[in-house]
Structures are given as C-alpha cells and as structure tokens.
Amino acid sequence: MENGSSTKNTPEALLEQEGQGATESRAGLNLAPLEKSVRLGDLAYEAMKDRLIRGAFEPGRKLTVRAVAEALGVSSTPARDALNRLATEGALVYSGPKTVIVPYLTLDALEEVTAMRLALEGVAAERGAANSPPALADQLEKMQVTINKALESRRYADVLWTNKEFHFAVYKNCGMHYLLSTIEALWLRIGPSFHDLYPEFAIQKHGVHNHQVVMDSLREGDSRGVRAAFENDIRDGYRRLKQAIRARAETEGQRG
C-alpha cells in the first residue's frame, strides 16, 4: 500500500493527473468557434505590415479603415484591428477616428534605428552568408536584375519591393528567429522613409554597388565581406535619409 501511494504522489504522476484533468475540463467547456474576423484581422495585419516594410506607403500617406478594408477585400473590423496594432507599434499614427498617417521619420529615430540595424543586420548578414545555400548568389543576381530595370525606368516602389527580398534572402539563413523579428520591426519603422533615397540613390548607384559586393563575397565564401557590404548599404542609406530629413525641416521652417 505504501509503495502504491508513493507512486501516485510522485511529481510525474501528479503532472499526468493534472494534464488529464485539464483535458477533461477543456472538453467540457461550452466554447463557441472563433469568429472568422479574428483570423482575418491577423491576415490584414501581416499584409499591411509587409507593405510598410517594403515601402509601399510613403511618409505622410493617409490611410482610412474603409480604403484598407476595400483594398484587402475584408470588412472594416479586421482592417481596423490591423491599423490599431500597427499604430500601437508606432508604424502608423492616428489623425482621426478612422484615419491613420504614415509618420515621417525624425532624425533621432533615424539615428537609433540605424545604430540597431548596423548591429543586428550585420550579425544576420554574416551568419546568413555562412549558412547560405550554394545557389543564393545566383538568386540574388536575378533579384538585382529586377532592381536595375526598375531603377532605369524610375519605378522606385518596385525597387524597394525587391530590395527587401534581396536583404532578407541572406538574413533568413542566420537561423535566429528572434533576431529576424527584431530586424523586421526596425524595417517596419524605417521602410516608408526609403522613398527619400530616390532619385539620388538611383543616380549614384550606391545600393547597386553594395549589392554587387554582397554577391561577389558570397561566391568567394567571404561572410565578413557580405556583412561589410550590407553595413555599407545601411550607412549610405543613413546619409541620404539624414539629408532628406534636414531638407524637410528647413522647408517646413521657411513655411512657418
């Protein structure tokens, strides 16, 4: 009797009993199925987040719940949920009960985001390059052809769309999920401001050169070279965005 009792009171046995009880309790609950709008809200959020990261909406752009709902083919509820989440994360700012604005990046925010990008994307680039499949350089080459064609025809929105693919094609191989999530959060904040890179970036071709170094370094098995090229890309972008922010401040000062 003592042996049987002690067996039932072991931590393993108690956990097993608790687990069985929880299962039975859940089975007996009168829960209604989740509404479809809950899942649609998540899908709407991911869709809007992706477009902001890729620079699909420039700073100052106004977005209404109604327009977003119509564009995504959903009702106003999931559209509003998506905009609320993005506003909470600082990617959007409410200007009215049903209207949000894509905010302009301040100089302080640019400096903070850039410092974090250099640290985090540098790690992701180096580790991603070290773990990359042999065909990655060729895949990036095709992306760069798309970018170059878009640059030539001044389709800067298309440039930004593929630019994100280029960077994250390397980063995703780093094997660090939380690192990638943090980098995406930084791009969510700075993505719309990438519009200010052009047309100057297209003329000077800083990004084209940096991307070429990335591909060359990958083919040479030089993961540190890949990291340096991406870091130079971030620094070049920082200098251009800094100029744009200061120019905008001067313009607004003259108007005031």
C-alpha atoms as a PDB file:
ATOM      1  CA  MET A   1       0.000   0.000   0.000  1.00  0.00           C
ATOM      2  CA  GLU A   2       2.800   2.424   0.881  1.00  0.00           C
ATOM      3  CA  ASN A   3       4.596   1.752  -2.422  1.00  0.00           C
ATOM      4  CA  GLY A   4       1.400   2.279  -4.427  1.00  0.00           C
ATOM      5  CA  SER A   5       0.607   5.513  -2.602  1.00  0.00           C
ATOM      6  CA  SER A   6       4.097   6.919  -3.073  1.00  0.00           C
ATOM      7  CA  THR A   7       3.944   6.146  -6.783  1.00  0.00           C
ATOM      8  CA  LYS A   8       0.729   8.133  -7.204  1.00  0.00           C
ATOM      9  CA  ASN A   9       2.228  11.106  -5.361  1.00  0.00           C
ATOM     10  CA  THR A  10       5.382  11.420  -7.449  1.00  0.00           C
ATOM     11  CA  PRO A  11       5.747  14.704  -9.410  1.00  0.00           C
ATOM     12  CA  GLU A  12       5.438  12.792 -12.680  1.00  0.00           C
ATOM     13  CA  ALA A  13       2.211  11.125 -11.606  1.00  0.00           C
ATOM     14  CA  LEU A  14       0.724  14.381 -10.311  1.00  0.00           C
ATOM     15  CA  LEU A  15       1.553  16.177 -13.563  1.00  0.00           C
ATOM     16  CA  GLU A  16      -0.053  13.363 -15.531  1.00  0.00           C
ATOM     17  CA  GLN A  17      -3.188  13.587 -13.389  1.00  0.00           C
ATOM     18  CA  GLU A  18      -3.330  17.377 -13.812  1.00  0.00           C
ATOM     19  CA  GLY A  19      -2.929  17.040 -17.551  1.00  0.00           C
ATOM     20  CA  GLN A  20      -5.781  14.552 -17.754  1.00  0.00           C
ATOM     21  CA  GLY A  21      -7.952  16.814 -15.644  1.00  0.00           C
ATOM     22  CA  ALA A  22      -7.199  19.816 -17.845  1.00  0.00           C
ATOM     23  CA  THR A  23      -8.085  17.848 -20.939  1.00  0.00           C
ATOM     24  CA  GLU A  24     -11.374  16.750 -19.447  1.00  0.00           C
ATOM     25  CA  SER A  25     -12.098  20.297 -18.283  1.00  0.00           C
ATOM     26  CA  ARG A  26     -11.469  21.793 -21.704  1.00  0.00           C
ATOM     27  CA  ALA A  27     -13.605  19.122 -23.335  1.00  0.00           C
ATOM     28  CA  GLY A  28     -16.491  20.041 -21.052  1.00  0.00           C
ATOM     29  CA  LEU A  29     -16.394  23.789 -21.732  1.00  0.00           C
ATOM     30  CA  ASN A  30     -19.101  25.364 -23.852  1.00  0.00           C
ATOM     31  CA  LEU A  31     -16.820  27.373 -26.199  1.00  0.00           C
ATOM     32  CA  ALA A  32     -18.052  28.930 -29.413  1.00  0.00           C
ATOM     33  CA  PRO A  33     -15.869  28.639 -32.516  1.00  0.00           C
ATOM     34  CA  LEU A  34     -13.601  31.619 -33.144  1.00  0.00           C
ATOM     35  CA  GLU A  35     -15.053  34.197 -35.486  1.00  0.00           C
ATOM     36  CA  LYS A  36     -13.581  34.352 -38.942  1.00  0.00           C
ATOM     37  CA  SER A  37     -12.815  38.047 -38.461  1.00  0.00           C
ATOM     38  CA  VAL A  38     -10.239  37.159 -35.788  1.00  0.00           C
ATOM     39  CA  ARG A  39      -8.135  35.290 -38.326  1.00  0.00           C
ATOM     40  CA  LEU A  40      -8.791  37.924 -40.977  1.00  0.00           C
ATOM     41  CA  GLY A  41      -7.521  40.553 -38.565  1.00  0.00           C
ATOM     42  CA  ASP A  42      -4.202  38.746 -38.326  1.00  0.00           C
ATOM     43  CA  LEU A  43      -4.020  38.362 -42.093  1.00  0.00           C
ATOM     44  CA  ALA A  44      -4.833  42.043 -42.597  1.00  0.00           C
ATOM     45  CA  TYR A  45      -2.142  42.999 -40.100  1.00  0.00           C
ATOM     46  CA  GLU A  46       0.504  40.859 -41.799  1.00  0.00           C
ATOM     47  CA  ALA A  47      -0.431  42.224 -45.218  1.00  0.00           C
ATOM     48  CA  MET A  48      -0.223  45.854 -44.088  1.00  0.00           C
ATOM     49  CA  LYS A  49       2.963  45.203 -42.136  1.00  0.00           C
ATOM     50  CA  ASP A  50       4.614  43.660 -45.183  1.00  0.00           C
ATOM     51  CA  ARG A  51       3.679  46.612 -47.364  1.00  0.00           C
ATOM     52  CA  LEU A  52       5.006  49.120 -44.838  1.00  0.00           C
ATOM     53  CA  ILE A  53       8.274  47.196 -44.528  1.00  0.00           C
ATOM     54  CA  ARG A  54       8.653  47.190 -48.320  1.00  0.00           C
ATOM     55  CA  GLY A  55       7.968  50.918 -48.559  1.00  0.00           C
ATOM     56  CA  ALA A  56       4.665  50.575 -50.386  1.00  0.00           C
ATOM     57  CA  PHE A  57       3.343  53.623 -48.476  1.00  0.00           C
ATOM     58  CA  GLU A  58       5.414  56.793 -48.340  1.00  0.00           C
ATOM     59  CA  PRO A  59       5.568  59.033 -45.232  1.00  0.00           C
ATOM     60  CA  GLY A  60       2.603  61.392 -44.969  1.00  0.00           C
ATOM     61  CA  ARG A  61       0.273  58.961 -46.732  1.00  0.00           C
ATOM     62  CA  LYS A  62      -3.225  58.885 -45.231  1.00  0.00           C
ATOM     63  CA  LEU A  63      -4.975  55.542 -44.882  1.00  0.00           C
ATOM     64  CA  THR A  64      -8.601  55.078 -43.889  1.00  0.00           C
ATOM     65  CA  VAL A  65     -10.200  51.984 -42.420  1.00  0.00           C
ATOM     66  CA  ARG A  66     -12.595  51.896 -45.335  1.00  0.00           C
ATOM     67  CA  ALA A  67      -9.890  52.137 -48.005  1.00  0.00           C
ATOM     68  CA  VAL A  68      -7.767  49.444 -46.355  1.00  0.00           C
ATOM     69  CA  ALA A  69     -10.782  47.151 -45.978  1.00  0.00           C
ATOM     70  CA  GLU A  70     -11.693  47.559 -49.643  1.00  0.00           C
ATOM     71  CA  ALA A  71      -8.107  47.029 -50.811  1.00  0.00           C
ATOM     72  CA  LEU A  72      -7.734  43.840 -48.775  1.00  0.00           C
ATOM     73  CA  GLY A  73     -11.236  42.581 -49.538  1.00  0.00           C
ATOM     74  CA  VAL A  74     -12.281  42.367 -45.885  1.00  0.00           C
ATOM     75  CA  SER A  75     -14.803  44.074 -43.640  1.00  0.00           C
ATOM     76  CA  SER A  76     -13.969  47.135 -41.544  1.00  0.00           C
ATOM     77  CA  THR A  77     -13.371  45.120 -38.368  1.00  0.00           C
ATOM     78  CA  PRO A  78     -10.208  43.247 -39.404  1.00  0.00           C
ATOM     79  CA  ALA A  79      -8.946  46.365 -41.204  1.00  0.00           C
ATOM     80  CA  ARG A  80      -9.414  48.438 -38.052  1.00  0.00           C
ATOM     81  CA  ASP A  81      -7.742  45.757 -35.927  1.00  0.00           C
ATOM     82  CA  ALA A  82      -4.717  45.766 -38.255  1.00  0.00           C
ATOM     83  CA  LEU A  83      -4.387  49.549 -38.167  1.00  0.00           C
ATOM     84  CA  ASN A  84      -4.748  49.599 -34.378  1.00  0.00           C
ATOM     85  CA  ARG A  85      -1.923  47.082 -33.975  1.00  0.00           C
ATOM     86  CA  LEU A  86       0.341  48.989 -36.346  1.00  0.00           C
ATOM     87  CA  ALA A  87      -0.435  52.253 -34.565  1.00  0.00           C
ATOM     88  CA  THR A  88       0.440  50.637 -31.237  1.00  0.00           C
ATOM     89  CA  GLU A  89       3.776  49.581 -32.717  1.00  0.00           C
ATOM     90  CA  GLY A  90       4.479  53.125 -33.909  1.00  0.00           C
ATOM     91  CA  ALA A  91       4.297  52.279 -37.611  1.00  0.00           C
ATOM     92  CA  LEU A  92       1.161  54.428 -38.052  1.00  0.00           C
ATOM     93  CA  VAL A  93      -0.279  57.460 -36.273  1.00  0.00           C
ATOM     94  CA  TYR A  94      -3.997  58.192 -35.905  1.00  0.00           C
ATOM     95  CA  SER A  95      -5.123  61.566 -37.237  1.00  0.00           C
ATOM     96  CA  GLY A  96      -8.826  60.865 -36.685  1.00  0.00           C
ATOM     97  CA  PRO A  97     -11.161  58.101 -35.511  1.00  0.00           C
ATOM     98  CA  LYS A  98     -10.914  56.224 -38.823  1.00  0.00           C
ATOM     99  CA  THR A  99      -7.797  57.675 -40.445  1.00  0.00           C
ATOM    100  CA  VAL A 100      -4.109  56.990 -39.889  1.00  0.00           C
ATOM    101  CA  ILE A 101      -0.992  58.601 -41.336  1.00  0.00           C
ATOM    102  CA  VAL A 102       2.339  57.000 -42.178  1.00  0.00           C
ATOM    103  CA  PRO A 103       4.658  59.082 -39.970  1.00  0.00           C
ATOM    104  CA  TYR A 104       7.790  60.865 -41.084  1.00  0.00           C
ATOM    105  CA  LEU A 105      10.990  59.595 -39.501  1.00  0.00           C
ATOM    106  CA  THR A 106      12.672  62.037 -37.126  1.00  0.00           C
ATOM    107  CA  LEU A 107      16.440  62.449 -37.039  1.00  0.00           C
ATOM    108  CA  ASP A 108      16.626  60.931 -33.553  1.00  0.00           C
ATOM    109  CA  ALA A 109      14.597  57.916 -34.681  1.00  0.00           C
ATOM    110  CA  LEU A 110      16.775  57.525 -37.783  1.00  0.00           C
ATOM    111  CA  GLU A 111      19.958  57.500 -35.735  1.00  0.00           C
ATOM    112  CA  GLU A 112      18.553  54.975 -33.264  1.00  0.00           C
ATOM    113  CA  VAL A 113      17.178  52.663 -35.949  1.00  0.00           C
ATOM    114  CA  THR A 114      20.416  52.879 -37.948  1.00  0.00           C
ATOM    115  CA  ALA A 115      22.573  52.012 -34.946  1.00  0.00           C
ATOM    116  CA  MET A 116      20.408  48.975 -34.260  1.00  0.00           C
ATOM    117  CA  ARG A 117      20.346  47.942 -37.918  1.00  0.00           C
ATOM    118  CA  LEU A 118      24.130  48.046 -38.165  1.00  0.00           C
ATOM    119  CA  ALA A 119      24.469  45.812 -35.118  1.00  0.00           C
ATOM    120  CA  LEU A 120      21.677  43.355 -35.852  1.00  0.00           C
ATOM    121  CA  GLU A 121      21.728  43.148 -39.633  1.00  0.00           C
ATOM    122  CA  GLY A 122      25.480  42.784 -39.514  1.00  0.00           C
ATOM    123  CA  VAL A 123      25.093  39.625 -37.433  1.00  0.00           C
ATOM    124  CA  ALA A 124      22.264  38.326 -39.621  1.00  0.00           C
ATOM    125  CA  ALA A 125      24.253  39.003 -42.796  1.00  0.00           C
ATOM    126  CA  GLU A 126      27.434  37.310 -41.629  1.00  0.00           C
ATOM    127  CA  ARG A 127      25.713  34.267 -40.177  1.00  0.00           C
ATOM    128  CA  GLY A 128      23.286  34.080 -43.056  1.00  0.00           C
ATOM    129  CA  ALA A 129      26.139  34.150 -45.556  1.00  0.00           C
ATOM    130  CA  ALA A 130      27.998  31.425 -43.687  1.00  0.00           C
ATOM    131  CA  ASN A 131      24.904  29.198 -43.790  1.00  0.00           C
ATOM    132  CA  SER A 132      23.664  30.145 -47.246  1.00  0.00           C
ATOM    133  CA  PRO A 133      22.943  27.544 -49.952  1.00  0.00           C
ATOM    134  CA  PRO A 134      25.328  27.473 -52.952  1.00  0.00           C
ATOM    135  CA  ALA A 135      22.716  28.901 -55.310  1.00  0.00           C
ATOM    136  CA  LEU A 136      21.987  32.021 -53.241  1.00  0.00           C
ATOM    137  CA  ALA A 137      24.340  34.301 -55.186  1.00  0.00           C
ATOM    138  CA  ASP A 138      22.614  33.369 -58.443  1.00  0.00           C
ATOM    139  CA  GLN A 139      19.215  34.016 -56.867  1.00  0.00           C
ATOM    140  CA  LEU A 140      20.371  37.434 -55.706  1.00  0.00           C
ATOM    141  CA  GLU A 141      21.713  38.149 -59.191  1.00  0.00           C
ATOM    142  CA  LYS A 142      18.215  37.687 -60.616  1.00  0.00           C
ATOM    143  CA  MET A 143      16.768  39.994 -57.970  1.00  0.00           C
ATOM    144  CA  GLN A 144      19.379  42.612 -58.780  1.00  0.00           C
ATOM    145  CA  VAL A 145      18.475  42.462 -62.471  1.00  0.00           C
ATOM    146  CA  THR A 146      14.890  43.262 -61.463  1.00  0.00           C
ATOM    147  CA  ILE A 147      16.104  46.121 -59.256  1.00  0.00           C
ATOM    148  CA  ASN A 148      18.299  47.569 -62.012  1.00  0.00           C
ATOM    149  CA  LYS A 149      15.468  47.516 -64.550  1.00  0.00           C
ATOM    150  CA  ALA A 150      13.169  49.250 -62.088  1.00  0.00           C
ATOM    151  CA  LEU A 151      15.847  51.869 -61.379  1.00  0.00           C
ATOM    152  CA  GLU A 152      16.275  52.570 -65.070  1.00  0.00           C
ATOM    153  CA  SER A 153      12.551  53.143 -65.518  1.00  0.00           C
ATOM    154  CA  ARG A 154      12.278  55.068 -62.218  1.00  0.00           C
ATOM    155  CA  ARG A 155       9.855  52.575 -60.702  1.00  0.00           C
ATOM    156  CA  TYR A 156      11.166  53.159 -57.214  1.00  0.00           C
ATOM    157  CA  ALA A 157       8.317  51.358 -55.465  1.00  0.00           C
ATOM    158  CA  ASP A 158       9.316  48.216 -57.362  1.00  0.00           C
ATOM    159  CA  VAL A 159      12.945  48.798 -56.385  1.00  0.00           C
ATOM    160  CA  LEU A 160      12.007  48.906 -52.708  1.00  0.00           C
ATOM    161  CA  TRP A 161       9.816  45.828 -53.029  1.00  0.00           C
ATOM    162  CA  THR A 162      12.652  43.690 -54.399  1.00  0.00           C
ATOM    163  CA  ASN A 163      15.287  45.307 -52.185  1.00  0.00           C
ATOM    164  CA  LYS A 164      13.589  43.801 -49.157  1.00  0.00           C
ATOM    165  CA  GLU A 165      13.686  40.388 -50.835  1.00  0.00           C
ATOM    166  CA  PHE A 166      17.416  40.810 -51.520  1.00  0.00           C
ATOM    167  CA  HIS A 167      18.351  41.623 -47.924  1.00  0.00           C
ATOM    168  CA  PHE A 168      16.183  39.028 -46.234  1.00  0.00           C
ATOM    169  CA  ALA A 169      17.196  36.278 -48.679  1.00  0.00           C
ATOM    170  CA  VAL A 170      20.555  36.431 -46.886  1.00  0.00           C
ATOM    171  CA  TYR A 171      19.352  37.277 -43.383  1.00  0.00           C
ATOM    172  CA  LYS A 172      16.870  34.403 -43.172  1.00  0.00           C
ATOM    173  CA  ASN A 173      19.715  31.861 -43.289  1.00  0.00           C
ATOM    174  CA  CYS A 174      21.125  33.087 -39.968  1.00  0.00           C
ATOM    175  CA  GLY A 175      18.923  30.631 -38.069  1.00  0.00           C
ATOM    176  CA  MET A 176      17.978  33.210 -35.409  1.00  0.00           C
ATOM    177  CA  HIS A 177      14.217  33.728 -35.304  1.00  0.00           C
ATOM    178  CA  TYR A 178      14.139  36.497 -32.699  1.00  0.00           C
ATOM    179  CA  LEU A 179      16.882  38.390 -34.480  1.00  0.00           C
ATOM    180  CA  LEU A 180      14.889  38.348 -37.707  1.00  0.00           C
ATOM    181  CA  SER A 181      11.743  39.500 -35.907  1.00  0.00           C
ATOM    182  CA  THR A 182      13.618  42.457 -34.424  1.00  0.00           C
ATOM    183  CA  ILE A 183      15.092  43.398 -37.797  1.00  0.00           C
ATOM    184  CA  GLU A 184      11.614  43.287 -39.330  1.00  0.00           C
ATOM    185  CA  ALA A 185      10.385  45.615 -36.578  1.00  0.00           C
ATOM    186  CA  LEU A 186      13.129  48.092 -37.489  1.00  0.00           C
ATOM    187  CA  TRP A 187      12.230  47.896 -41.182  1.00  0.00           C
ATOM    188  CA  LEU A 188       8.587  48.447 -40.264  1.00  0.00           C
ATOM    189  CA  ARG A 189       9.588  51.795 -38.795  1.00  0.00           C
ATOM    190  CA  ILE A 190      12.035  52.905 -41.483  1.00  0.00           C
ATOM    191  CA  GLY A 191      10.582  51.204 -44.583  1.00  0.00           C
ATOM    192  CA  PRO A 192       8.312  54.078 -45.703  1.00  0.00           C
ATOM    193  CA  SER A 193      11.220  56.546 -45.434  1.00  0.00           C
ATOM    194  CA  PHE A 194      13.206  54.571 -48.011  1.00  0.00           C
ATOM    195  CA  HIS A 195      11.257  56.612 -50.576  1.00  0.00           C
ATOM    196  CA  ASP A 196      13.537  59.520 -49.679  1.00  0.00           C
ATOM    197  CA  LEU A 197      16.516  57.588 -51.048  1.00  0.00           C
ATOM    198  CA  TYR A 198      15.400  58.349 -54.595  1.00  0.00           C
ATOM    199  CA  PRO A 199      16.163  59.630 -57.140  1.00  0.00           C
ATOM    200  CA  GLU A 200      19.635  60.348 -55.677  1.00  0.00           C
ATOM    201  CA  PHE A 201      20.330  56.699 -54.863  1.00  0.00           C
ATOM    202  CA  ALA A 202      19.406  55.706 -58.407  1.00  0.00           C
ATOM    203  CA  ILE A 203      21.856  58.251 -59.858  1.00  0.00           C
ATOM    204  CA  GLN A 204      24.763  57.479 -57.525  1.00  0.00           C
ATOM    205  CA  LYS A 205      24.090  53.733 -57.590  1.00  0.00           C
ATOM    206  CA  HIS A 206      25.333  53.203 -54.022  1.00  0.00           C
ATOM    207  CA  GLY A 207      22.879  50.355 -53.480  1.00  0.00           C
ATOM    208  CA  VAL A 208      23.783  48.677 -56.767  1.00  0.00           C
ATOM    209  CA  HIS A 209      27.475  48.665 -55.845  1.00  0.00           C
ATOM    210  CA  ASN A 210      26.868  47.366 -52.324  1.00  0.00           C
ATOM    211  CA  HIS A 211      24.644  44.577 -53.618  1.00  0.00           C
ATOM    212  CA  GLN A 212      27.290  43.575 -56.141  1.00  0.00           C
ATOM    213  CA  VAL A 213      29.847  43.265 -53.344  1.00  0.00           C
ATOM    214  CA  VAL A 214      27.383  41.069 -51.439  1.00  0.00           C
ATOM    215  CA  MET A 215      27.093  38.694 -54.405  1.00  0.00           C
ATOM    216  CA  ASP A 216      30.839  38.671 -55.092  1.00  0.00           C
ATOM    217  CA  SER A 217      31.606  37.974 -51.430  1.00  0.00           C
ATOM    218  CA  LEU A 218      29.077  35.134 -51.328  1.00  0.00           C
ATOM    219  CA  ARG A 219      30.715  33.467 -54.309  1.00  0.00           C
ATOM    220  CA  GLU A 220      34.100  33.825 -52.619  1.00  0.00           C
ATOM    221  CA  GLY A 221      32.802  32.365 -49.355  1.00  0.00           C
ATOM    222  CA  ASP A 222      33.612  35.622 -47.563  1.00  0.00           C
ATOM    223  CA  SER A 223      30.875  36.026 -44.946  1.00  0.00           C
ATOM    224  CA  ARG A 224      32.617  39.017 -43.369  1.00  0.00           C
ATOM    225  CA  GLY A 225      32.688  40.689 -46.759  1.00  0.00           C
ATOM    226  CA  VAL A 226      28.935  40.144 -47.040  1.00  0.00           C
ATOM    227  CA  ARG A 227      28.466  41.740 -43.642  1.00  0.00           C
ATOM    228  CA  ALA A 228      30.627  44.738 -44.553  1.00  0.00           C
ATOM    229  CA  ALA A 229      28.714  45.273 -47.808  1.00  0.00           C
ATOM    230  CA  PHE A 230      25.327  45.301 -46.061  1.00  0.00           C
ATOM    231  CA  GLU A 231      26.661  47.615 -43.359  1.00  0.00           C
ATOM    232  CA  ASN A 232      27.922  49.996 -46.049  1.00  0.00           C
ATOM    233  CA  ASP A 233      24.477  49.834 -47.648  1.00  0.00           C
ATOM    234  CA  ILE A 234      22.901  50.866 -44.344  1.00  0.00           C
ATOM    235  CA  ARG A 235      25.413  53.701 -43.842  1.00  0.00           C
ATOM    236  CA  ASP A 236      24.892  55.035 -47.365  1.00  0.00           C
ATOM    237  CA  GLY A 237      21.143  54.994 -46.822  1.00  0.00           C
ATOM    238  CA  TYR A 238      21.536  56.727 -43.482  1.00  0.00           C
ATOM    239  CA  ARG A 239      23.478  59.613 -45.016  1.00  0.00           C
ATOM    240  CA  ARG A 240      20.847  60.140 -47.715  1.00  0.00           C
ATOM    241  CA  LEU A 241      17.892  59.902 -45.306  1.00  0.00           C
ATOM    242  CA  LYS A 242      19.606  62.322 -42.929  1.00  0.00           C
ATOM    243  CA  GLN A 243      19.887  64.857 -45.744  1.00  0.00           C
ATOM    244  CA  ALA A 244      16.219  64.384 -46.628  1.00  0.00           C
ATOM    245  CA  ILE A 245      15.083  64.891 -43.021  1.00  0.00           C
ATOM    246  CA  ARG A 246      17.115  68.089 -42.672  1.00  0.00           C
ATOM    247  CA  ALA A 247      15.870  69.415 -46.006  1.00  0.00           C
ATOM    248  CA  ARG A 248      12.268  68.768 -44.974  1.00  0.00           C
ATOM    249  CA  ALA A 249      12.830  70.540 -41.653  1.00  0.00           C
ATOM    250  CA  GLU A 250      14.275  73.583 -43.426  1.00  0.00           C
ATOM    251  CA  THR A 251      11.335  73.687 -45.840  1.00  0.00           C
ATOM    252  CA  GLU A 252       8.825  73.467 -43.014  1.00  0.00           C
ATOM    253  CA  GLY A 253      10.752  76.163 -41.122  1.00  0.00           C
ATOM    254  CA  GLN A 254      10.512  78.521 -44.092  1.00  0.00           C
ATOM    255  CA  ARG A 255       6.789  77.900 -44.382  1.00  0.00           C
ATOM    256  CA  GLY A 256       6.357  78.597 -40.680  1.00  0.00           C
END
